[in-house]
Amino acid sequence: MKKTVIDLLLLENKQLNKDNFLLKLQSPISVSEIFPGQFVNIEIKEAGEIFLRRPFSVLDVDYQNQTISLLVKILGRGSKKLTEAKGGLTFSTILPLGKSFTMPSKNDRVLLIGGGSGVAPMLFLAKCCGLDPENVHVLIGARSAIDHIDIEDYQPLGKFYFTTEDGTLGEKGYVTNHSLFTNKLKEFTKIYACGPDLMMKAIGRIALENQIFCELSLENMMACGFGVCLCCVEDTKAGHKCVCTDGPVFNVNDLKW
């Protein structure tokens, strides 16, 4: 799908927990070529002092009904304003942006890891990867149980595991402290992850040490979304790359960490 600027109609704005909201938006054109790992840039017109668009990973796409769902976490004025929006408003949106994940083959056994807002592309990937649920393992990390979102609708897609830093849900610690890493890592043929920088580097190192295919969706600060402002540059073995255009998905072997 060619990068397009369109107005999306807000159909639903649902609060999932204290800081996370689910926004469902209707597109007037086909969304059949939006894939896991890609993102959209939204203009928040209701906040006059906010000039830059805000990037959000795609949580889900209903290809038949042409709707896009976004997971929006309140991080600042822009995202807060968006979570206060009422149904019926339209938002100028640039989509789809960035490169998507490489889809696994039918014989793969995958580990999908999401931290914070990084859970969004992992749930979308779990839905689209086309694997038997027995071969899809999803590990989600958060600070506390209240920071996790409800994933009930996604549970038929695979096996889910949780970590919390305070031990209130799942295993205590970071995602890389989970017993999957100590007991079952060699069972996986591919690892996909999205989350904070330190988490990505920890997962990347583990994947490299164990020679497991790994793709990471980076969360570098973005402004323009199409490679002009150079805010999101990442150092790779092929030189500096813009995460918004050359990524956000990178093979760990290509990163210069």
C-alpha atoms as a PDB file:
ATOM      1  CA  MET A   1       0.000   0.000   0.000  1.00  0.00           C
ATOM      2  CA  LYS A   2       1.392   3.375  -0.998  1.00  0.00           C
ATOM      3  CA  LYS A   3       1.925   5.844   1.838  1.00  0.00           C
ATOM      4  CA  THR A   4      -1.239   7.943   2.018  1.00  0.00           C
ATOM      5  CA  VAL A   5      -2.630  10.899   3.963  1.00  0.00           C
ATOM      6  CA  ILE A   6      -6.291  10.239   4.780  1.00  0.00           C
ATOM      7  CA  ASP A   7      -8.886  11.193   7.355  1.00  0.00           C
ATOM      8  CA  LEU A   8      -9.830   8.346   9.664  1.00  0.00           C
ATOM      9  CA  LEU A   9     -13.129   8.391  11.541  1.00  0.00           C
ATOM     10  CA  LEU A  10     -12.976   7.557  15.241  1.00  0.00           C
ATOM     11  CA  LEU A  11     -15.513   4.816  15.922  1.00  0.00           C
ATOM     12  CA  GLU A  12     -14.506   3.828  19.439  1.00  0.00           C
ATOM     13  CA  ASN A  13     -12.286   5.106  22.234  1.00  0.00           C
ATOM     14  CA  LYS A  14     -12.082   2.502  24.984  1.00  0.00           C
ATOM     15  CA  GLN A  15     -10.058   2.833  28.184  1.00  0.00           C
ATOM     16  CA  LEU A  16      -8.170  -0.400  28.907  1.00  0.00           C
ATOM     17  CA  ASN A  17      -6.443   0.625  32.133  1.00  0.00           C
ATOM     18  CA  LYS A  18      -5.157   3.796  33.775  1.00  0.00           C
ATOM     19  CA  ASP A  19      -2.863   4.867  30.933  1.00  0.00           C
ATOM     20  CA  ASN A  20      -3.829   2.738  27.904  1.00  0.00           C
ATOM     21  CA  PHE A  21      -6.680   3.266  25.468  1.00  0.00           C
ATOM     22  CA  LEU A  22      -7.926   1.351  22.436  1.00  0.00           C
ATOM     23  CA  LEU A  23      -8.880   3.558  19.492  1.00  0.00           C
ATOM     24  CA  LYS A  24     -10.747   2.014  16.577  1.00  0.00           C
ATOM     25  CA  LEU A  25     -10.703   4.094  13.392  1.00  0.00           C
ATOM     26  CA  GLN A  26     -12.598   3.691  10.132  1.00  0.00           C
ATOM     27  CA  SER A  27     -10.741   4.116   6.858  1.00  0.00           C
ATOM     28  CA  PRO A  28     -12.474   5.274   3.660  1.00  0.00           C
ATOM     29  CA  ILE A  29     -10.019   3.236   1.582  1.00  0.00           C
ATOM     30  CA  SER A  30      -8.749  -0.336   1.692  1.00  0.00           C
ATOM     31  CA  VAL A  31      -6.351  -1.190   4.523  1.00  0.00           C
ATOM     32  CA  SER A  32      -5.456  -4.583   3.071  1.00  0.00           C
ATOM     33  CA  GLU A  33      -1.740  -3.748   2.863  1.00  0.00           C
ATOM     34  CA  ILE A  34      -1.098  -2.705   6.467  1.00  0.00           C
ATOM     35  CA  PHE A  35       1.009  -5.342   8.223  1.00  0.00           C
ATOM     36  CA  PRO A  36       2.382  -6.104  11.699  1.00  0.00           C
ATOM     37  CA  GLY A  37       5.217  -3.800  12.680  1.00  0.00           C
ATOM     38  CA  GLN A  38       4.018  -0.829  10.657  1.00  0.00           C
ATOM     39  CA  PHE A  39       2.701   2.344  12.252  1.00  0.00           C
ATOM     40  CA  VAL A  40       0.637   5.439  11.553  1.00  0.00           C
ATOM     41  CA  ASN A  41       1.222   9.147  12.218  1.00  0.00           C
ATOM     42  CA  ILE A  42      -1.769  11.075  13.540  1.00  0.00           C
ATOM     43  CA  GLU A  43      -2.324  14.822  13.548  1.00  0.00           C
ATOM     44  CA  ILE A  44      -4.038  15.986  16.723  1.00  0.00           C
ATOM     45  CA  LYS A  45      -5.871  19.066  15.486  1.00  0.00           C
ATOM     46  CA  GLU A  46      -7.799  19.652  18.720  1.00  0.00           C
ATOM     47  CA  ALA A  47      -4.549  20.587  20.491  1.00  0.00           C
ATOM     48  CA  GLY A  48      -3.416  23.780  18.778  1.00  0.00           C
ATOM     49  CA  GLU A  49      -0.071  23.906  20.550  1.00  0.00           C
ATOM     50  CA  ILE A  50       0.923  20.440  19.284  1.00  0.00           C
ATOM     51  CA  PHE A  51       2.372  20.733  15.789  1.00  0.00           C
ATOM     52  CA  LEU A  52       4.017  17.362  15.172  1.00  0.00           C
ATOM     53  CA  ARG A  53       2.069  14.240  14.367  1.00  0.00           C
ATOM     54  CA  ARG A  54       2.251  11.386  16.849  1.00  0.00           C
ATOM     55  CA  PRO A  55       3.308   7.844  15.814  1.00  0.00           C
ATOM     56  CA  PHE A  56       1.358   4.791  16.978  1.00  0.00           C
ATOM     57  CA  SER A  57       1.915   1.101  16.264  1.00  0.00           C
ATOM     58  CA  VAL A  58      -0.982  -0.759  14.713  1.00  0.00           C
ATOM     59  CA  LEU A  59      -2.632  -3.142  17.169  1.00  0.00           C
ATOM     60  CA  ASP A  60      -5.105  -4.708  14.772  1.00  0.00           C
ATOM     61  CA  VAL A  61      -6.668  -4.354  11.347  1.00  0.00           C
ATOM     62  CA  ASP A  62     -10.096  -5.549  10.303  1.00  0.00           C
ATOM     63  CA  TYR A  63      -9.456  -5.930   6.597  1.00  0.00           C
ATOM     64  CA  GLN A  64     -13.086  -6.662   5.776  1.00  0.00           C
ATOM     65  CA  ASN A  65     -14.579  -3.659   7.572  1.00  0.00           C
ATOM     66  CA  GLN A  66     -11.596  -1.372   6.878  1.00  0.00           C
ATOM     67  CA  THR A  67     -10.922  -0.467  10.496  1.00  0.00           C
ATOM     68  CA  ILE A  68      -7.605   0.091  12.244  1.00  0.00           C
ATOM     69  CA  SER A  69      -7.121  -0.333  15.996  1.00  0.00           C
ATOM     70  CA  LEU A  70      -4.376   1.506  17.873  1.00  0.00           C
ATOM     71  CA  LEU A  71      -3.057   1.077  21.397  1.00  0.00           C
ATOM     72  CA  VAL A  72      -2.503   4.598  22.762  1.00  0.00           C
ATOM     73  CA  LYS A  73      -0.591   5.061  25.990  1.00  0.00           C
ATOM     74  CA  ILE A  74      -0.649   8.456  27.685  1.00  0.00           C
ATOM     75  CA  LEU A  75       2.924   9.722  27.534  1.00  0.00           C
ATOM     76  CA  GLY A  76       2.428  13.449  27.002  1.00  0.00           C
ATOM     77  CA  ARG A  77       0.032  16.164  25.901  1.00  0.00           C
ATOM     78  CA  GLY A  78      -0.504  14.752  22.423  1.00  0.00           C
ATOM     79  CA  SER A  79      -1.381  11.217  23.411  1.00  0.00           C
ATOM     80  CA  LYS A  80      -3.516  12.458  26.317  1.00  0.00           C
ATOM     81  CA  LYS A  81      -5.502  14.672  23.983  1.00  0.00           C
ATOM     82  CA  LEU A  82      -6.051  11.748  21.658  1.00  0.00           C
ATOM     83  CA  THR A  83      -7.364   9.538  24.467  1.00  0.00           C
ATOM     84  CA  GLU A  84      -9.926  12.226  25.313  1.00  0.00           C
ATOM     85  CA  ALA A  85     -11.350  12.258  21.774  1.00  0.00           C
ATOM     86  CA  LYS A  86     -15.006  11.357  21.260  1.00  0.00           C
ATOM     87  CA  GLY A  87     -16.437   9.103  18.584  1.00  0.00           C
ATOM     88  CA  GLY A  88     -17.290  10.889  15.359  1.00  0.00           C
ATOM     89  CA  LEU A  89     -14.125  12.976  15.162  1.00  0.00           C
ATOM     90  CA  THR A  90     -11.781  12.534  12.210  1.00  0.00           C
ATOM     91  CA  PHE A  91      -7.994  12.510  12.328  1.00  0.00           C
ATOM     92  CA  SER A  92      -5.603  13.266   9.499  1.00  0.00           C
ATOM     93  CA  THR A  93      -3.409  10.188   9.346  1.00  0.00           C
ATOM     94  CA  ILE A  94      -0.374   9.138   7.337  1.00  0.00           C
ATOM     95  CA  LEU A  95      -0.303   5.386   6.714  1.00  0.00           C
ATOM     96  CA  PRO A  96       1.153   2.855   6.439  1.00  0.00           C
ATOM     97  CA  LEU A  97       4.603   3.888   7.654  1.00  0.00           C
ATOM     98  CA  GLY A  98       7.722   1.782   8.167  1.00  0.00           C
ATOM     99  CA  LYS A  99       8.626  -1.773   7.333  1.00  0.00           C
ATOM    100  CA  SER A 100       6.805  -4.775   8.725  1.00  0.00           C
ATOM    101  CA  PHE A 101       8.052  -7.985  10.299  1.00  0.00           C
ATOM    102  CA  THR A 102       9.123 -10.915   8.146  1.00  0.00           C
ATOM    103  CA  MET A 103       6.348 -13.464   8.360  1.00  0.00           C
ATOM    104  CA  PRO A 104       7.393 -16.850   9.795  1.00  0.00           C
ATOM    105  CA  SER A 105       7.217 -20.006   7.698  1.00  0.00           C
ATOM    106  CA  LYS A 106       4.695 -22.729   8.454  1.00  0.00           C
ATOM    107  CA  ASN A 107       7.262 -24.846  10.303  1.00  0.00           C
ATOM    108  CA  ASP A 108       8.452 -22.104  12.640  1.00  0.00           C
ATOM    109  CA  ARG A 109       7.951 -21.979  16.374  1.00  0.00           C
ATOM    110  CA  VAL A 110       7.974 -18.322  17.401  1.00  0.00           C
ATOM    111  CA  LEU A 111       8.427 -16.274  20.543  1.00  0.00           C
ATOM    112  CA  LEU A 112       6.777 -12.843  20.426  1.00  0.00           C
ATOM    113  CA  ILE A 113       7.839 -10.429  23.160  1.00  0.00           C
ATOM    114  CA  GLY A 114       6.151  -7.145  23.953  1.00  0.00           C
ATOM    115  CA  GLY A 115       7.007  -4.596  26.614  1.00  0.00           C
ATOM    116  CA  GLY A 116       4.792  -1.607  27.409  1.00  0.00           C
ATOM    117  CA  SER A 117       3.210  -0.244  24.226  1.00  0.00           C
ATOM    118  CA  GLY A 118       5.304  -2.799  22.335  1.00  0.00           C
ATOM    119  CA  VAL A 119       2.584  -5.337  23.005  1.00  0.00           C
ATOM    120  CA  ALA A 120       0.529  -3.853  20.146  1.00  0.00           C
ATOM    121  CA  PRO A 121       2.550  -5.113  17.142  1.00  0.00           C
ATOM    122  CA  MET A 122       3.093  -8.461  18.895  1.00  0.00           C
ATOM    123  CA  LEU A 123      -0.639  -9.088  19.196  1.00  0.00           C
ATOM    124  CA  PHE A 124      -1.126  -8.035  15.577  1.00  0.00           C
ATOM    125  CA  LEU A 125       1.672 -10.382  14.515  1.00  0.00           C
ATOM    126  CA  ALA A 126       0.169 -13.246  16.508  1.00  0.00           C
ATOM    127  CA  LYS A 127      -3.058 -12.738  14.582  1.00  0.00           C
ATOM    128  CA  CYS A 128      -1.428 -12.530  11.150  1.00  0.00           C
ATOM    129  CA  CYS A 129       1.424 -15.032  11.325  1.00  0.00           C
ATOM    130  CA  GLY A 130      -0.740 -17.960  10.215  1.00  0.00           C
ATOM    131  CA  LEU A 131       0.802 -20.496  12.601  1.00  0.00           C
ATOM    132  CA  ASP A 132      -0.845 -23.158  14.696  1.00  0.00           C
ATOM    133  CA  PRO A 133      -1.471 -21.637  18.160  1.00  0.00           C
ATOM    134  CA  GLU A 134       0.754 -24.350  19.645  1.00  0.00           C
ATOM    135  CA  ASN A 135       3.690 -22.755  17.849  1.00  0.00           C
ATOM    136  CA  VAL A 136       2.960 -19.167  18.892  1.00  0.00           C
ATOM    137  CA  HIS A 137       4.243 -18.093  22.313  1.00  0.00           C
ATOM    138  CA  VAL A 138       3.623 -14.520  23.447  1.00  0.00           C
ATOM    139  CA  LEU A 139       5.506 -13.023  26.385  1.00  0.00           C
ATOM    140  CA  ILE A 140       4.299  -9.662  27.694  1.00  0.00           C
ATOM    141  CA  GLY A 141       6.085  -7.558  30.283  1.00  0.00           C
ATOM    142  CA  ALA A 142       4.947  -4.595  32.386  1.00  0.00           C
ATOM    143  CA  ARG A 143       5.784  -2.875  35.646  1.00  0.00           C
ATOM    144  CA  SER A 144       2.720  -4.174  37.497  1.00  0.00           C
ATOM    145  CA  ALA A 145      -0.482  -6.142  36.936  1.00  0.00           C
ATOM    146  CA  ILE A 146      -2.469  -2.911  36.567  1.00  0.00           C
ATOM    147  CA  ASP A 147      -0.266  -1.928  33.606  1.00  0.00           C
ATOM    148  CA  HIS A 148      -1.149  -5.040  31.592  1.00  0.00           C
ATOM    149  CA  ILE A 149      -4.044  -4.816  29.146  1.00  0.00           C
ATOM    150  CA  ASP A 150      -6.714  -7.469  28.739  1.00  0.00           C
ATOM    151  CA  ILE A 151      -5.672  -9.866  25.973  1.00  0.00           C
ATOM    152  CA  GLU A 152      -8.632 -12.245  26.237  1.00  0.00           C
ATOM    153  CA  ASP A 153      -9.620 -11.796  22.596  1.00  0.00           C
ATOM    154  CA  TYR A 154      -6.108 -12.823  21.508  1.00  0.00           C
ATOM    155  CA  GLN A 155      -5.641 -15.863  23.726  1.00  0.00           C
ATOM    156  CA  PRO A 156      -6.889 -18.375  21.098  1.00  0.00           C
ATOM    157  CA  LEU A 157      -3.958 -17.294  18.902  1.00  0.00           C
ATOM    158  CA  GLY A 158      -1.224 -18.815  21.078  1.00  0.00           C
ATOM    159  CA  LYS A 159       0.189 -19.413  24.524  1.00  0.00           C
ATOM    160  CA  PHE A 160       0.570 -16.295  26.670  1.00  0.00           C
ATOM    161  CA  TYR A 161       3.025 -15.568  29.463  1.00  0.00           C
ATOM    162  CA  PHE A 162       3.439 -12.499  31.664  1.00  0.00           C
ATOM    163  CA  THR A 163       6.084 -10.779  33.726  1.00  0.00           C
ATOM    164  CA  THR A 164       5.814  -7.858  36.118  1.00  0.00           C
ATOM    165  CA  GLU A 165       8.614  -6.027  37.836  1.00  0.00           C
ATOM    166  CA  ASP A 166       6.762  -6.210  41.167  1.00  0.00           C
ATOM    167  CA  GLY A 167       5.603  -9.812  40.790  1.00  0.00           C
ATOM    168  CA  THR A 168       1.863  -9.019  40.823  1.00  0.00           C
ATOM    169  CA  LEU A 169       1.190 -10.984  37.612  1.00  0.00           C
ATOM    170  CA  GLY A 170       3.112 -13.862  36.066  1.00  0.00           C
ATOM    171  CA  GLU A 171       6.785 -14.214  36.857  1.00  0.00           C
ATOM    172  CA  LYS A 172       8.599 -11.449  38.678  1.00  0.00           C
ATOM    173  CA  GLY A 173      11.252  -9.499  36.797  1.00  0.00           C
ATOM    174  CA  TYR A 174      11.892  -8.355  33.254  1.00  0.00           C
ATOM    175  CA  VAL A 175      10.859 -10.374  30.206  1.00  0.00           C
ATOM    176  CA  THR A 176      14.410 -11.711  29.853  1.00  0.00           C
ATOM    177  CA  ASN A 177      14.161 -13.104  33.401  1.00  0.00           C
ATOM    178  CA  HIS A 178      11.231 -15.314  32.402  1.00  0.00           C
ATOM    179  CA  SER A 179      11.751 -19.064  32.585  1.00  0.00           C
ATOM    180  CA  LEU A 180      11.137 -19.302  28.822  1.00  0.00           C
ATOM    181  CA  PHE A 181      14.621 -17.852  28.365  1.00  0.00           C
ATOM    182  CA  THR A 182      16.258 -20.278  30.764  1.00  0.00           C
ATOM    183  CA  ASN A 183      14.314 -23.447  29.963  1.00  0.00           C
ATOM    184  CA  LYS A 184      12.814 -23.295  26.476  1.00  0.00           C
ATOM    185  CA  LEU A 185      14.715 -20.764  24.388  1.00  0.00           C
ATOM    186  CA  LYS A 186      16.234 -23.394  22.087  1.00  0.00           C
ATOM    187  CA  GLU A 187      12.722 -24.550  21.141  1.00  0.00           C
ATOM    188  CA  PHE A 188      12.097 -21.358  19.165  1.00  0.00           C
ATOM    189  CA  THR A 189      13.198 -20.804  15.588  1.00  0.00           C
ATOM    190  CA  LYS A 190      12.336 -17.093  15.518  1.00  0.00           C
ATOM    191  CA  ILE A 191      12.060 -14.276  18.039  1.00  0.00           C
ATOM    192  CA  TYR A 192      10.158 -11.061  17.421  1.00  0.00           C
ATOM    193  CA  ALA A 193      10.071  -8.204  19.914  1.00  0.00           C
ATOM    194  CA  CYS A 194       9.014  -4.613  20.487  1.00  0.00           C
ATOM    195  CA  GLY A 195       9.587  -2.493  23.547  1.00  0.00           C
ATOM    196  CA  PRO A 196      11.913  -0.081  25.337  1.00  0.00           C
ATOM    197  CA  ASP A 197      15.510   0.284  24.187  1.00  0.00           C
ATOM    198  CA  LEU A 198      17.153  -1.620  27.057  1.00  0.00           C
ATOM    199  CA  MET A 199      14.729  -4.506  26.599  1.00  0.00           C
ATOM    200  CA  MET A 200      15.460  -4.655  22.862  1.00  0.00           C
ATOM    201  CA  LYS A 201      19.210  -4.735  23.443  1.00  0.00           C
ATOM    202  CA  ALA A 202      18.908  -7.487  26.063  1.00  0.00           C
ATOM    203  CA  ILE A 203      16.746  -9.649  23.796  1.00  0.00           C
ATOM    204  CA  GLY A 204      19.007  -8.950  20.829  1.00  0.00           C
ATOM    205  CA  ARG A 205      22.109 -10.076  22.711  1.00  0.00           C
ATOM    206  CA  ILE A 206      20.427 -13.286  23.826  1.00  0.00           C
ATOM    207  CA  ALA A 207      19.250 -14.043  20.275  1.00  0.00           C
ATOM    208  CA  LEU A 208      22.725 -13.442  18.875  1.00  0.00           C
ATOM    209  CA  GLU A 209      24.391 -15.608  21.522  1.00  0.00           C
ATOM    210  CA  ASN A 210      21.980 -18.449  20.752  1.00  0.00           C
ATOM    211  CA  GLN A 211      22.017 -17.902  16.969  1.00  0.00           C
ATOM    212  CA  ILE A 212      18.246 -17.506  16.755  1.00  0.00           C
ATOM    213  CA  PHE A 213      16.646 -15.422  14.000  1.00  0.00           C
ATOM    214  CA  CYS A 214      15.447 -12.212  15.636  1.00  0.00           C
ATOM    215  CA  GLU A 215      13.643  -9.106  14.443  1.00  0.00           C
ATOM    216  CA  LEU A 216      13.180  -6.089  16.690  1.00  0.00           C
ATOM    217  CA  SER A 217      10.783  -3.194  16.275  1.00  0.00           C
ATOM    218  CA  LEU A 218      12.575  -0.149  17.686  1.00  0.00           C
ATOM    219  CA  GLU A 219      10.865   2.695  19.519  1.00  0.00           C
ATOM    220  CA  ASN A 220      13.235   5.564  18.727  1.00  0.00           C
ATOM    221  CA  MET A 221      11.824   9.061  19.062  1.00  0.00           C
ATOM    222  CA  MET A 222      10.081   9.995  15.814  1.00  0.00           C
ATOM    223  CA  ALA A 223       8.815  13.314  14.502  1.00  0.00           C
ATOM    224  CA  CYS A 224       8.145  13.399  10.757  1.00  0.00           C
ATOM    225  CA  GLY A 225       7.643   9.694  10.063  1.00  0.00           C
ATOM    226  CA  PHE A 226       9.204   9.756   6.591  1.00  0.00           C
ATOM    227  CA  GLY A 227      12.940  10.241   7.071  1.00  0.00           C
ATOM    228  CA  VAL A 228      13.365  14.018   6.852  1.00  0.00           C
ATOM    229  CA  CYS A 229      13.898  15.210  10.423  1.00  0.00           C
ATOM    230  CA  LEU A 230      16.523  12.555  11.307  1.00  0.00           C
ATOM    231  CA  CYS A 231      15.294  12.372  14.944  1.00  0.00           C
ATOM    232  CA  CYS A 232      15.068   8.587  14.911  1.00  0.00           C
ATOM    233  CA  VAL A 233      18.455   7.638  13.400  1.00  0.00           C
ATOM    234  CA  GLU A 234      19.866   4.267  14.490  1.00  0.00           C
ATOM    235  CA  ASP A 235      23.446   3.105  14.017  1.00  0.00           C
ATOM    236  CA  THR A 236      23.584  -0.060  11.902  1.00  0.00           C
ATOM    237  CA  LYS A 237      26.356  -2.059  10.261  1.00  0.00           C
ATOM    238  CA  ALA A 238      25.381  -0.387   6.975  1.00  0.00           C
ATOM    239  CA  GLY A 239      25.565   3.108   8.476  1.00  0.00           C
ATOM    240  CA  HIS A 240      22.988   5.378  10.015  1.00  0.00           C
ATOM    241  CA  LYS A 241      19.386   4.440   9.216  1.00  0.00           C
ATOM    242  CA  CYS A 242      16.106   6.210   9.906  1.00  0.00           C
ATOM    243  CA  VAL A 243      13.924   3.994  12.062  1.00  0.00           C
ATOM    244  CA  CYS A 244      10.755   5.485  10.580  1.00  0.00           C
ATOM    245  CA  THR A 245      11.638   4.502   6.999  1.00  0.00           C
ATOM    246  CA  ASP A 246      14.332   1.809   7.140  1.00  0.00           C
ATOM    247  CA  GLY A 247      12.634   0.291  10.186  1.00  0.00           C
ATOM    248  CA  PRO A 248      11.091   0.261  12.671  1.00  0.00           C
ATOM    249  CA  VAL A 249      11.724  -3.463  12.222  1.00  0.00           C
ATOM    250  CA  PHE A 250      15.382  -4.497  12.002  1.00  0.00           C
ATOM    251  CA  ASN A 251      17.104  -7.865  11.991  1.00  0.00           C
ATOM    252  CA  VAL A 252      19.322  -7.957  15.063  1.00  0.00           C
ATOM    253  CA  ASN A 253      22.281  -8.951  12.881  1.00  0.00           C
ATOM    254  CA  ASP A 254      22.075  -5.594  11.117  1.00  0.00           C
ATOM    255  CA  LEU A 255      22.236  -3.440  14.239  1.00  0.00           C
ATOM    256  CA  LYS A 256      25.479  -2.018  15.510  1.00  0.00           C
ATOM    257  CA  TRP A 257      25.090  -2.595  19.232  1.00  0.00           C
END
